[in-house]
Amino acid sequence: MIGLELAVRSDTAHRIEIRQSLTDLAREAVGGGECLECGVFEDVSVPGRFLWAQWWRSQTQMGEHLRSSAFRTLLGAIKVLGSLETARTLDLQDSTSVMDAFLTDRIHLPDNASEA
């Protein structure tokens, strides 16, 4: 899997509008099958600072998206309502092993669980 993270900043005057725009665009991206997952997160300690996180199965699929009108629409919304602070790609080779590592530390069944 490969992901794209965009850190976006908006002033207080445009905070609600950019949050709604990013949320709508994320919903369209997932609903339209453009990606596996897409989420928008706001920093609770810095209102108006958002993280856009989007995931695809392959570099090819992400590249197609970066050339799409949907991506140009996203960048246009960011430009009009805020500013792009950082952009980066993330490569996750085996998400299953990562989730297994998280779950191993958190799931503990008592020894007598099989008796219930």
PDB file of N, CA and C in Angstrom:
ATOM      1  N   MET A   1       0.834  -1.181   0.000  1.00  0.00           N
ATOM      2  CA  MET A   1       0.000   0.000   0.000  1.00  0.00           C
ATOM      3  C   MET A   1       0.878   1.242   0.000  1.00  0.00           C
ATOM      4  N   ILE A   2       0.343   2.282  -0.587  1.00  0.00           N
ATOM      5  CA  ILE A   2       1.057   3.551  -0.610  1.00  0.00           C
ATOM      6  C   ILE A   2       0.061   4.654  -0.262  1.00  0.00           C
ATOM      7  N   GLY A   3       0.538   5.622   0.508  1.00  0.00           N
ATOM      8  CA  GLY A   3      -0.348   6.674   0.967  1.00  0.00           C
ATOM      9  C   GLY A   3       0.187   8.064   0.673  1.00  0.00           C
ATOM     10  N   LEU A   4      -0.709   9.010   0.731  1.00  0.00           N
ATOM     11  CA  LEU A   4      -0.385  10.416   0.558  1.00  0.00           C
ATOM     12  C   LEU A   4      -0.903  11.158   1.774  1.00  0.00           C
ATOM     13  N   GLU A   5      -0.029  11.935   2.404  1.00  0.00           N
ATOM     14  CA  GLU A   5      -0.429  12.782   3.514  1.00  0.00           C
ATOM     15  C   GLU A   5      -0.194  14.241   3.151  1.00  0.00           C
ATOM     16  N   LEU A   6      -1.217  15.053   3.357  1.00  0.00           N
ATOM     17  CA  LEU A   6      -1.121  16.484   3.126  1.00  0.00           C
ATOM     18  C   LEU A   6      -1.451  17.191   4.432  1.00  0.00           C
ATOM     19  N   ALA A   7      -0.541  18.041   4.898  1.00  0.00           N
ATOM     20  CA  ALA A   7      -0.815  18.880   6.063  1.00  0.00           C
ATOM     21  C   ALA A   7      -1.309  20.220   5.542  1.00  0.00           C
ATOM     22  N   VAL A   8      -2.493  20.605   5.986  1.00  0.00           N
ATOM     23  CA  VAL A   8      -3.174  21.788   5.474  1.00  0.00           C
ATOM     24  C   VAL A   8      -3.475  22.725   6.640  1.00  0.00           C
ATOM     25  N   ARG A   9      -3.290  24.012   6.404  1.00  0.00           N
ATOM     26  CA  ARG A   9      -3.580  25.029   7.423  1.00  0.00           C
ATOM     27  C   ARG A   9      -4.596  26.008   6.858  1.00  0.00           C
ATOM     28  N   SER A  10      -5.521  26.443   7.717  1.00  0.00           N
ATOM     29  CA  SER A  10      -6.517  27.433   7.333  1.00  0.00           C
ATOM     30  C   SER A  10      -6.676  28.425   8.470  1.00  0.00           C
ATOM     31  N   ASP A  11      -6.997  29.661   8.132  1.00  0.00           N
ATOM     32  CA  ASP A  11      -7.257  30.638   9.189  1.00  0.00           C
ATOM     33  C   ASP A  11      -8.653  30.392   9.756  1.00  0.00           C
ATOM     34  N   THR A  12      -8.945  31.031  10.865  1.00  0.00           N
ATOM     35  CA  THR A  12     -10.217  30.778  11.541  1.00  0.00           C
ATOM     36  C   THR A  12     -11.421  31.166  10.688  1.00  0.00           C
ATOM     37  N   ALA A  13     -11.261  32.141   9.819  1.00  0.00           N
ATOM     38  CA  ALA A  13     -12.373  32.574   8.968  1.00  0.00           C
ATOM     39  C   ALA A  13     -12.813  31.493   7.980  1.00  0.00           C
ATOM     40  N   HIS A  14     -11.885  30.607   7.588  1.00  0.00           N
ATOM     41  CA  HIS A  14     -12.205  29.566   6.599  1.00  0.00           C
ATOM     42  C   HIS A  14     -12.195  28.149   7.184  1.00  0.00           C
ATOM     43  N   ARG A  15     -12.020  28.035   8.492  1.00  0.00           N
ATOM     44  CA  ARG A  15     -11.864  26.722   9.122  1.00  0.00           C
ATOM     45  C   ARG A  15     -13.040  25.779   8.843  1.00  0.00           C
ATOM     46  N   ILE A  16     -14.237  26.227   9.076  1.00  0.00           N
ATOM     47  CA  ILE A  16     -15.419  25.370   8.877  1.00  0.00           C
ATOM     48  C   ILE A  16     -15.573  25.007   7.405  1.00  0.00           C
ATOM     49  N   GLU A  17     -15.371  25.979   6.537  1.00  0.00           N
ATOM     50  CA  GLU A  17     -15.537  25.744   5.100  1.00  0.00           C
ATOM     51  C   GLU A  17     -14.508  24.750   4.556  1.00  0.00           C
ATOM     52  N   ILE A  18     -13.257  24.870   4.985  1.00  0.00           N
ATOM     53  CA  ILE A  18     -12.246  23.933   4.475  1.00  0.00           C
ATOM     54  C   ILE A  18     -12.467  22.543   5.058  1.00  0.00           C
ATOM     55  N   ARG A  19     -12.886  22.469   6.322  1.00  0.00           N
ATOM     56  CA  ARG A  19     -13.160  21.150   6.918  1.00  0.00           C
ATOM     57  C   ARG A  19     -14.275  20.458   6.144  1.00  0.00           C
ATOM     58  N   GLN A  20     -15.341  21.189   5.823  1.00  0.00           N
ATOM     59  CA  GLN A  20     -16.446  20.609   5.068  1.00  0.00           C
ATOM     60  C   GLN A  20     -16.012  20.206   3.658  1.00  0.00           C
ATOM     61  N   SER A  21     -15.230  21.051   3.008  1.00  0.00           N
ATOM     62  CA  SER A  21     -14.745  20.735   1.654  1.00  0.00           C
ATOM     63  C   SER A  21     -13.872  19.492   1.660  1.00  0.00           C
ATOM     64  N   LEU A  22     -12.929  19.415   2.587  1.00  0.00           N
ATOM     65  CA  LEU A  22     -12.042  18.247   2.658  1.00  0.00           C
ATOM     66  C   LEU A  22     -12.823  16.983   2.981  1.00  0.00           C
ATOM     67  N   THR A  23     -13.779  17.093   3.890  1.00  0.00           N
ATOM     68  CA  THR A  23     -14.598  15.933   4.254  1.00  0.00           C
ATOM     69  C   THR A  23     -15.409  15.438   3.061  1.00  0.00           C
ATOM     70  N   ASP A  24     -16.021  16.363   2.330  1.00  0.00           N
ATOM     71  CA  ASP A  24     -16.802  15.978   1.142  1.00  0.00           C
ATOM     72  C   ASP A  24     -15.916  15.331   0.080  1.00  0.00           C
ATOM     73  N   LEU A  25     -14.737  15.904  -0.153  1.00  0.00           N
ATOM     74  CA  LEU A  25     -13.825  15.346  -1.165  1.00  0.00           C
ATOM     75  C   LEU A  25     -13.330  13.963  -0.749  1.00  0.00           C
ATOM     76  N   ALA A  26     -13.074  13.760   0.532  1.00  0.00           N
ATOM     77  CA  ALA A  26     -12.633  12.444   1.015  1.00  0.00           C
ATOM     78  C   ALA A  26     -13.739  11.409   0.824  1.00  0.00           C
ATOM     79  N   ARG A  27     -14.958  11.794   1.132  1.00  0.00           N
ATOM     80  CA  ARG A  27     -16.100  10.886   0.970  1.00  0.00           C
ATOM     81  C   ARG A  27     -16.278  10.504  -0.503  1.00  0.00           C
ATOM     82  N   GLU A  28     -16.136  11.478  -1.395  1.00  0.00           N
ATOM     83  CA  GLU A  28     -16.254  11.212  -2.831  1.00  0.00           C
ATOM     84  C   GLU A  28     -15.141  10.288  -3.319  1.00  0.00           C
ATOM     85  N   ALA A  29     -13.926  10.477  -2.799  1.00  0.00           N
ATOM     86  CA  ALA A  29     -12.790   9.655  -3.227  1.00  0.00           C
ATOM     87  C   ALA A  29     -13.012   8.189  -2.882  1.00  0.00           C
ATOM     88  N   VAL A  30     -13.491   7.923  -1.684  1.00  0.00           N
ATOM     89  CA  VAL A  30     -13.725   6.541  -1.270  1.00  0.00           C
ATOM     90  C   VAL A  30     -14.961   5.980  -1.955  1.00  0.00           C
ATOM     91  N   GLY A  31     -16.022   6.750  -1.982  1.00  0.00           N
ATOM     92  CA  GLY A  31     -17.269   6.300  -2.613  1.00  0.00           C
ATOM     93  C   GLY A  31     -17.122   6.060  -4.097  1.00  0.00           C
ATOM     94  N   GLY A  32     -16.261   6.827  -4.742  1.00  0.00           N
ATOM     95  CA  GLY A  32     -16.045   6.674  -6.180  1.00  0.00           C
ATOM     96  C   GLY A  32     -15.017   5.613  -6.524  1.00  0.00           C
ATOM     97  N   GLY A  33     -14.461   4.961  -5.515  1.00  0.00           N
ATOM     98  CA  GLY A  33     -13.495   3.900  -5.755  1.00  0.00           C
ATOM     99  C   GLY A  33     -12.121   4.384  -6.181  1.00  0.00           C
ATOM    100  N   GLU A  34     -11.818   5.667  -5.979  1.00  0.00           N
ATOM    101  CA  GLU A  34     -10.518   6.205  -6.368  1.00  0.00           C
ATOM    102  C   GLU A  34      -9.380   5.675  -5.496  1.00  0.00           C
ATOM    103  N   CYS A  35      -9.715   5.283  -4.259  1.00  0.00           N
ATOM    104  CA  CYS A  35      -8.676   4.838  -3.327  1.00  0.00           C
ATOM    105  C   CYS A  35      -9.261   3.811  -2.368  1.00  0.00           C
ATOM    106  N   LEU A  36      -8.405   3.226  -1.556  1.00  0.00           N
ATOM    107  CA  LEU A  36      -8.859   2.268  -0.552  1.00  0.00           C
ATOM    108  C   LEU A  36      -9.453   2.972   0.658  1.00  0.00           C
ATOM    109  N   GLU A  37      -8.805   4.059   1.048  1.00  0.00           N
ATOM    110  CA  GLU A  37      -9.218   4.771   2.246  1.00  0.00           C
ATOM    111  C   GLU A  37      -8.795   6.224   2.132  1.00  0.00           C
ATOM    112  N   CYS A  38      -9.596   7.101   2.701  1.00  0.00           N
ATOM    113  CA  CYS A  38      -9.263   8.525   2.705  1.00  0.00           C
ATOM    114  C   CYS A  38      -9.879   9.139   3.948  1.00  0.00           C
ATOM    115  N   GLY A  39      -9.087   9.883   4.696  1.00  0.00           N
ATOM    116  CA  GLY A  39      -9.598  10.506   5.909  1.00  0.00           C
ATOM    117  C   GLY A  39      -9.069  11.912   6.087  1.00  0.00           C
ATOM    118  N   VAL A  40      -9.837  12.701   6.812  1.00  0.00           N
ATOM    119  CA  VAL A  40      -9.461  14.069   7.143  1.00  0.00           C
ATOM    120  C   VAL A  40      -9.476  14.184   8.661  1.00  0.00           C
ATOM    121  N   PHE A  41      -8.406  14.731   9.216  1.00  0.00           N
ATOM    122  CA  PHE A  41      -8.263  14.835  10.659  1.00  0.00           C
ATOM    123  C   PHE A  41      -7.862  16.259  11.023  1.00  0.00           C
ATOM    124  N   GLU A  42      -8.504  16.790  12.058  1.00  0.00           N
ATOM    125  CA  GLU A  42      -8.143  18.133  12.512  1.00  0.00           C
ATOM    126  C   GLU A  42      -7.354  18.022  13.811  1.00  0.00           C
ATOM    127  N   ASP A  43      -6.300  18.787  13.910  1.00  0.00           N
ATOM    128  CA  ASP A  43      -5.459  18.828  15.102  1.00  0.00           C
ATOM    129  C   ASP A  43      -6.249  19.500  16.224  1.00  0.00           C
ATOM    130  N   VAL A  44      -6.529  18.785  17.296  1.00  0.00           N
ATOM    131  CA  VAL A  44      -7.343  19.348  18.373  1.00  0.00           C
ATOM    132  C   VAL A  44      -6.615  20.460  19.117  1.00  0.00           C
ATOM    133  N   SER A  45      -5.313  20.472  19.075  1.00  0.00           N
ATOM    134  CA  SER A  45      -4.562  21.519  19.769  1.00  0.00           C
ATOM    135  C   SER A  45      -4.305  22.741  18.888  1.00  0.00           C
ATOM    136  N   VAL A  46      -4.514  22.610  17.575  1.00  0.00           N
ATOM    137  CA  VAL A  46      -4.321  23.726  16.640  1.00  0.00           C
ATOM    138  C   VAL A  46      -5.513  23.761  15.674  1.00  0.00           C
ATOM    139  N   PRO A  47      -6.613  24.411  16.080  1.00  0.00           N
ATOM    140  CA  PRO A  47      -7.772  24.499  15.179  1.00  0.00           C
ATOM    141  C   PRO A  47      -7.370  25.122  13.840  1.00  0.00           C
ATOM    142  N   GLY A  48      -7.874  24.519  12.777  1.00  0.00           N
ATOM    143  CA  GLY A  48      -7.534  25.005  11.442  1.00  0.00           C
ATOM    144  C   GLY A  48      -6.347  24.293  10.817  1.00  0.00           C
ATOM    145  N   ARG A  49      -5.781  23.326  11.523  1.00  0.00           N
ATOM    146  CA  ARG A  49      -4.687  22.517  10.966  1.00  0.00           C
ATOM    147  C   ARG A  49      -5.239  21.114  10.730  1.00  0.00           C
ATOM    148  N   PHE A  50      -5.169  20.672   9.466  1.00  0.00           N
ATOM    149  CA  PHE A  50      -5.770  19.402   9.067  1.00  0.00           C
ATOM    150  C   PHE A  50      -4.730  18.471   8.457  1.00  0.00           C
ATOM    151  N   LEU A  51      -5.028  17.170   8.538  1.00  0.00           N
ATOM    152  CA  LEU A  51      -4.220  16.154   7.871  1.00  0.00           C
ATOM    153  C   LEU A  51      -5.143  15.383   6.941  1.00  0.00           C
ATOM    154  N   TRP A  52      -4.777  15.337   5.668  1.00  0.00           N
ATOM    155  CA  TRP A  52      -5.468  14.546   4.641  1.00  0.00           C
ATOM    156  C   TRP A  52      -4.645  13.280   4.466  1.00  0.00           C
ATOM    157  N   ALA A  53      -5.248  12.113   4.649  1.00  0.00           N
ATOM    158  CA  ALA A  53      -4.537  10.837   4.501  1.00  0.00           C
ATOM    159  C   ALA A  53      -5.320   9.956   3.534  1.00  0.00           C
ATOM    160  N   GLN A  54      -4.644   9.517   2.463  1.00  0.00           N
ATOM    161  CA  GLN A  54      -5.302   8.739   1.404  1.00  0.00           C
ATOM    162  C   GLN A  54      -4.406   7.562   1.037  1.00  0.00           C
ATOM    163  N   TRP A  55      -5.021   6.386   0.813  1.00  0.00           N
ATOM    164  CA  TRP A  55      -4.267   5.155   0.560  1.00  0.00           C
ATOM    165  C   TRP A  55      -4.729   4.445  -0.703  1.00  0.00           C
ATOM    166  N   TRP A  56      -3.746   3.887  -1.436  1.00  0.00           N
ATOM    167  CA  TRP A  56      -3.992   3.077  -2.641  1.00  0.00           C
ATOM    168  C   TRP A  56      -3.233   1.763  -2.534  1.00  0.00           C
ATOM    169  N   ARG A  57      -3.600   0.828  -3.388  1.00  0.00           N
ATOM    170  CA  ARG A  57      -2.904  -0.469  -3.417  1.00  0.00           C
ATOM    171  C   ARG A  57      -1.516  -0.368  -4.050  1.00  0.00           C
ATOM    172  N   SER A  58      -1.346   0.568  -4.992  1.00  0.00           N
ATOM    173  CA  SER A  58      -0.075   0.605  -5.719  1.00  0.00           C
ATOM    174  C   SER A  58       0.342   2.029  -6.073  1.00  0.00           C
ATOM    175  N   GLN A  59       1.607   2.160  -6.393  1.00  0.00           N
ATOM    176  CA  GLN A  59       2.173   3.426  -6.846  1.00  0.00           C
ATOM    177  C   GLN A  59       1.475   3.877  -8.136  1.00  0.00           C
ATOM    178  N   THR A  60       1.161   2.935  -8.994  1.00  0.00           N
ATOM    179  CA  THR A  60       0.493   3.243 -10.261  1.00  0.00           C
ATOM    180  C   THR A  60      -0.869   3.890 -10.012  1.00  0.00           C
ATOM    181  N   GLN A  61      -1.643   3.313  -9.090  1.00  0.00           N
ATOM    182  CA  GLN A  61      -2.961   3.873  -8.783  1.00  0.00           C
ATOM    183  C   GLN A  61      -2.839   5.272  -8.187  1.00  0.00           C
ATOM    184  N   MET A  62      -1.859   5.470  -7.319  1.00  0.00           N
ATOM    185  CA  MET A  62      -1.669   6.797  -6.745  1.00  0.00           C
ATOM    186  C   MET A  62      -1.258   7.791  -7.827  1.00  0.00           C
ATOM    187  N   GLY A  63      -0.380   7.375  -8.721  1.00  0.00           N
ATOM    188  CA  GLY A  63       0.044   8.239  -9.810  1.00  0.00           C
ATOM    189  C   GLY A  63      -1.111   8.664 -10.697  1.00  0.00           C
ATOM    190  N   GLU A  64      -2.019   7.730 -10.975  1.00  0.00           N
ATOM    191  CA  GLU A  64      -3.212   8.056 -11.762  1.00  0.00           C
ATOM    192  C   GLU A  64      -4.050   9.110 -11.041  1.00  0.00           C
ATOM    193  N   HIS A  65      -4.166   8.959  -9.741  1.00  0.00           N
ATOM    194  CA  HIS A  65      -4.942   9.923  -8.965  1.00  0.00           C
ATOM    195  C   HIS A  65      -4.290  11.307  -8.982  1.00  0.00           C
ATOM    196  N   LEU A  66      -2.975  11.348  -8.875  1.00  0.00           N
ATOM    197  CA  LEU A  66      -2.276  12.636  -8.845  1.00  0.00           C
ATOM    198  C   LEU A  66      -2.425  13.404 -10.163  1.00  0.00           C
ATOM    199  N   ARG A  67      -2.782  12.699 -11.229  1.00  0.00           N
ATOM    200  CA  ARG A  67      -3.010  13.336 -12.534  1.00  0.00           C
ATOM    201  C   ARG A  67      -4.503  13.606 -12.784  1.00  0.00           C
ATOM    202  N   SER A  68      -5.344  13.290 -11.829  1.00  0.00           N
ATOM    203  CA  SER A  68      -6.798  13.368 -12.032  1.00  0.00           C
ATOM    204  C   SER A  68      -7.374  14.747 -11.728  1.00  0.00           C
ATOM    205  N   SER A  69      -8.572  14.955 -12.222  1.00  0.00           N
ATOM    206  CA  SER A  69      -9.283  16.206 -11.919  1.00  0.00           C
ATOM    207  C   SER A  69      -9.682  16.249 -10.444  1.00  0.00           C
ATOM    208  N   ALA A  70      -9.925  15.099  -9.835  1.00  0.00           N
ATOM    209  CA  ALA A  70     -10.271  15.060  -8.410  1.00  0.00           C
ATOM    210  C   ALA A  70      -9.127  15.618  -7.561  1.00  0.00           C
ATOM    211  N   PHE A  71      -7.893  15.276  -7.913  1.00  0.00           N
ATOM    212  CA  PHE A  71      -6.746  15.790  -7.169  1.00  0.00           C
ATOM    213  C   PHE A  71      -6.575  17.283  -7.418  1.00  0.00           C
ATOM    214  N   ARG A  72      -6.783  17.719  -8.640  1.00  0.00           N
ATOM    215  CA  ARG A  72      -6.707  19.163  -8.935  1.00  0.00           C
ATOM    216  C   ARG A  72      -7.781  19.932  -8.166  1.00  0.00           C
ATOM    217  N   THR A  73      -8.952  19.327  -8.000  1.00  0.00           N
ATOM    218  CA  THR A  73     -10.019  19.951  -7.219  1.00  0.00           C
ATOM    219  C   THR A  73      -9.607  20.080  -5.757  1.00  0.00           C
ATOM    220  N   LEU A  74      -8.990  19.042  -5.224  1.00  0.00           N
ATOM    221  CA  LEU A  74      -8.497  19.073  -3.849  1.00  0.00           C
ATOM    222  C   LEU A  74      -7.480  20.194  -3.666  1.00  0.00           C
ATOM    223  N   LEU A  75      -6.502  20.258  -4.559  1.00  0.00           N
ATOM    224  CA  LEU A  75      -5.478  21.295  -4.456  1.00  0.00           C
ATOM    225  C   LEU A  75      -6.079  22.691  -4.609  1.00  0.00           C
ATOM    226  N   GLY A  76      -7.079  22.824  -5.468  1.00  0.00           N
ATOM    227  CA  GLY A  76      -7.750  24.111  -5.639  1.00  0.00           C
ATOM    228  C   GLY A  76      -8.462  24.553  -4.371  1.00  0.00           C
ATOM    229  N   ALA A  77      -9.141  23.616  -3.716  1.00  0.00           N
ATOM    230  CA  ALA A  77      -9.827  23.937  -2.462  1.00  0.00           C
ATOM    231  C   ALA A  77      -8.830  24.365  -1.396  1.00  0.00           C
ATOM    232  N   ILE A  78      -7.712  23.664  -1.330  1.00  0.00           N
ATOM    233  CA  ILE A  78      -6.674  24.017  -0.351  1.00  0.00           C
ATOM    234  C   ILE A  78      -6.126  25.404  -0.648  1.00  0.00           C
ATOM    235  N   LYS A  79      -5.884  25.697  -1.909  1.00  0.00           N
ATOM    236  CA  LYS A  79      -5.311  26.989  -2.292  1.00  0.00           C
ATOM    237  C   LYS A  79      -6.259  28.148  -1.978  1.00  0.00           C
ATOM    238  N   VAL A  80      -7.550  27.955  -2.234  1.00  0.00           N
ATOM    239  CA  VAL A  80      -8.533  29.018  -2.014  1.00  0.00           C
ATOM    240  C   VAL A  80      -8.829  29.224  -0.523  1.00  0.00           C
ATOM    241  N   LEU A  81      -8.911  28.127   0.232  1.00  0.00           N
ATOM    242  CA  LEU A  81      -9.365  28.212   1.624  1.00  0.00           C
ATOM    243  C   LEU A  81      -8.250  28.119   2.664  1.00  0.00           C
ATOM    244  N   GLY A  82      -7.046  27.827   2.233  1.00  0.00           N
ATOM    245  CA  GLY A  82      -5.966  27.661   3.198  1.00  0.00           C
ATOM    246  C   GLY A  82      -4.629  27.598   2.506  1.00  0.00           C
ATOM    247  N   SER A  83      -3.729  26.790   3.072  1.00  0.00           N
ATOM    248  CA  SER A  83      -2.413  26.611   2.466  1.00  0.00           C
ATOM    249  C   SER A  83      -1.918  25.193   2.738  1.00  0.00           C
ATOM    250  N   LEU A  84      -1.117  24.705   1.831  1.00  0.00           N
ATOM    251  CA  LEU A  84      -0.512  23.383   1.961  1.00  0.00           C
ATOM    252  C   LEU A  84       0.814  23.550   2.689  1.00  0.00           C
ATOM    253  N   GLU A  85       0.942  22.945   3.878  1.00  0.00           N
ATOM    254  CA  GLU A  85       2.168  23.053   4.661  1.00  0.00           C
ATOM    255  C   GLU A  85       3.195  22.010   4.245  1.00  0.00           C
ATOM    256  N   THR A  86       2.763  20.759   4.151  1.00  0.00           N
ATOM    257  CA  THR A  86       3.664  19.683   3.752  1.00  0.00           C
ATOM    258  C   THR A  86       2.887  18.633   2.965  1.00  0.00           C
ATOM    259  N   ALA A  87       3.624  17.886   2.156  1.00  0.00           N
ATOM    260  CA  ALA A  87       3.062  16.753   1.422  1.00  0.00           C
ATOM    261  C   ALA A  87       4.098  15.647   1.446  1.00  0.00           C
ATOM    262  N   ARG A  88       3.655  14.425   1.675  1.00  0.00           N
ATOM    263  CA  ARG A  88       4.590  13.299   1.657  1.00  0.00           C
ATOM    264  C   ARG A  88       3.862  12.011   1.300  1.00  0.00           C
ATOM    265  N   THR A  89       4.630  11.084   0.751  1.00  0.00           N
ATOM    266  CA  THR A  89       4.082   9.766   0.461  1.00  0.00           C
ATOM    267  C   THR A  89       4.601   8.796   1.519  1.00  0.00           C
ATOM    268  N   LEU A  90       3.796   7.777   1.763  1.00  0.00           N
ATOM    269  CA  LEU A  90       4.126   6.753   2.747  1.00  0.00           C
ATOM    270  C   LEU A  90       3.981   5.400   2.081  1.00  0.00           C
ATOM    271  N   ASP A  91       4.936   4.537   2.286  1.00  0.00           N
ATOM    272  CA  ASP A  91       4.905   3.206   1.696  1.00  0.00           C
ATOM    273  C   ASP A  91       4.757   2.192   2.819  1.00  0.00           C
ATOM    274  N   LEU A  92       3.671   1.440   2.787  1.00  0.00           N
ATOM    275  CA  LEU A  92       3.408   0.430   3.803  1.00  0.00           C
ATOM    276  C   LEU A  92       3.393  -0.927   3.099  1.00  0.00           C
ATOM    277  N   GLN A  93       4.473  -1.657   3.221  1.00  0.00           N
ATOM    278  CA  GLN A  93       4.619  -2.914   2.495  1.00  0.00           C
ATOM    279  C   GLN A  93       3.666  -3.997   2.967  1.00  0.00           C
ATOM    280  N   ASP A  94       3.519  -4.129   4.297  1.00  0.00           N
ATOM    281  CA  ASP A  94       2.691  -5.215   4.803  1.00  0.00           C
ATOM    282  C   ASP A  94       1.858  -4.712   5.967  1.00  0.00           C
ATOM    283  N   SER A  95       0.688  -4.196   5.673  1.00  0.00           N
ATOM    284  CA  SER A  95      -0.153  -3.628   6.725  1.00  0.00           C
ATOM    285  C   SER A  95      -0.618  -4.696   7.714  1.00  0.00           C
ATOM    286  N   THR A  96      -0.758  -5.935   7.268  1.00  0.00           N
ATOM    287  CA  THR A  96      -1.209  -6.997   8.157  1.00  0.00           C
ATOM    288  C   THR A  96      -0.223  -7.201   9.291  1.00  0.00           C
ATOM    289  N   SER A  97       1.068  -7.230   8.995  1.00  0.00           N
ATOM    290  CA  SER A  97       2.044  -7.451  10.058  1.00  0.00           C
ATOM    291  C   SER A  97       2.080  -6.274  11.023  1.00  0.00           C
ATOM    292  N   VAL A  98       1.838  -5.074  10.537  1.00  0.00           N
ATOM    293  CA  VAL A  98       1.794  -3.911  11.420  1.00  0.00           C
ATOM    294  C   VAL A  98       0.607  -4.034  12.364  1.00  0.00           C
ATOM    295  N   MET A  99      -0.569  -4.367  11.830  1.00  0.00           N
ATOM    296  CA  MET A  99      -1.750  -4.527  12.689  1.00  0.00           C
ATOM    297  C   MET A  99      -1.553  -5.667  13.677  1.00  0.00           C
ATOM    298  N   ASP A 100      -0.934  -6.751  13.248  1.00  0.00           N
ATOM    299  CA  ASP A 100      -0.663  -7.860  14.171  1.00  0.00           C
ATOM    300  C   ASP A 100       0.196  -7.385  15.335  1.00  0.00           C
ATOM    301  N   ALA A 101       1.190  -6.556  15.062  1.00  0.00           N
ATOM    302  CA  ALA A 101       2.055  -6.041  16.120  1.00  0.00           C
ATOM    303  C   ALA A 101       1.256  -5.194  17.109  1.00  0.00           C
ATOM    304  N   PHE A 102       0.345  -4.371  16.608  1.00  0.00           N
ATOM    305  CA  PHE A 102      -0.481  -3.555  17.506  1.00  0.00           C
ATOM    306  C   PHE A 102      -1.388  -4.431  18.356  1.00  0.00           C
ATOM    307  N   LEU A 103      -2.051  -5.388  17.710  1.00  0.00           N
ATOM    308  CA  LEU A 103      -3.030  -6.210  18.408  1.00  0.00           C
ATOM    309  C   LEU A 103      -2.394  -7.162  19.410  1.00  0.00           C
ATOM    310  N   THR A 104      -1.185  -7.634  19.158  1.00  0.00           N
ATOM    311  CA  THR A 104      -0.521  -8.562  20.050  1.00  0.00           C
ATOM    312  C   THR A 104      -0.381  -7.970  21.443  1.00  0.00           C
ATOM    313  N   ASP A 105      -0.074  -6.709  21.529  1.00  0.00           N
ATOM    314  CA  ASP A 105       0.102  -6.058  22.824  1.00  0.00           C
ATOM    315  C   ASP A 105      -1.218  -5.720  23.497  1.00  0.00           C
ATOM    316  N   ARG A 106      -2.315  -5.705  22.776  1.00  0.00           N
ATOM    317  CA  ARG A 106      -3.575  -5.223  23.328  1.00  0.00           C
ATOM    318  C   ARG A 106      -4.607  -6.309  23.607  1.00  0.00           C
ATOM    319  N   ILE A 107      -4.455  -7.433  23.016  1.00  0.00           N
ATOM    320  CA  ILE A 107      -5.442  -8.491  23.213  1.00  0.00           C
ATOM    321  C   ILE A 107      -4.849  -9.554  24.124  1.00  0.00           C
ATOM    322  N   HIS A 108      -5.512  -9.735  25.236  1.00  0.00           N
ATOM    323  CA  HIS A 108      -5.066 -10.761  26.178  1.00  0.00           C
ATOM    324  C   HIS A 108      -6.287 -11.517  26.661  1.00  0.00           C
ATOM    325  N   LEU A 109      -6.319 -12.794  26.410  1.00  0.00           N
ATOM    326  CA  LEU A 109      -7.409 -13.621  26.880  1.00  0.00           C
ATOM    327  C   LEU A 109      -6.983 -14.296  28.171  1.00  0.00           C
ATOM    328  N   PRO A 110      -7.812 -14.225  29.215  1.00  0.00           N
ATOM    329  CA  PRO A 110      -7.466 -14.893  30.470  1.00  0.00           C
ATOM    330  C   PRO A 110      -7.366 -16.397  30.262  1.00  0.00           C
ATOM    331  N   ASP A 111      -6.581 -17.045  31.085  1.00  0.00           N
ATOM    332  CA  ASP A 111      -6.371 -18.488  30.962  1.00  0.00           C
ATOM    333  C   ASP A 111      -7.669 -19.273  31.066  1.00  0.00           C
ATOM    334  N   ASN A 112      -8.636 -18.779  31.811  1.00  0.00           N
ATOM    335  CA  ASN A 112      -9.892 -19.506  31.981  1.00  0.00           C
ATOM    336  C   ASN A 112     -10.943 -19.117  30.956  1.00  0.00           C
ATOM    337  N   ALA A 113     -10.585 -18.400  29.915  1.00  0.00           N
ATOM    338  CA  ALA A 113     -11.546 -17.955  28.885  1.00  0.00           C
ATOM    339  C   ALA A 113     -12.165 -19.134  28.155  1.00  0.00           C
ATOM    340  N   SER A 114     -11.425 -20.229  28.015  1.00  0.00           N
ATOM    341  CA  SER A 114     -11.961 -21.390  27.290  1.00  0.00           C
ATOM    342  C   SER A 114     -13.012 -22.125  28.109  1.00  0.00           C
ATOM    343  N   GLU A 115     -13.049 -21.923  29.435  1.00  0.00           N
ATOM    344  CA  GLU A 115     -14.035 -22.603  30.293  1.00  0.00           C
ATOM    345  C   GLU A 115     -15.403 -21.946  30.212  1.00  0.00           C
ATOM    346  N   ALA A 116     -15.481 -20.707  29.740  1.00  0.00           N
ATOM    347  CA  ALA A 116     -16.758 -19.973  29.745  1.00  0.00           C
ATOM    348  C   ALA A 116     -17.723 -20.441  28.721  1.00  0.00           C
TER     349      ALA A 116
END
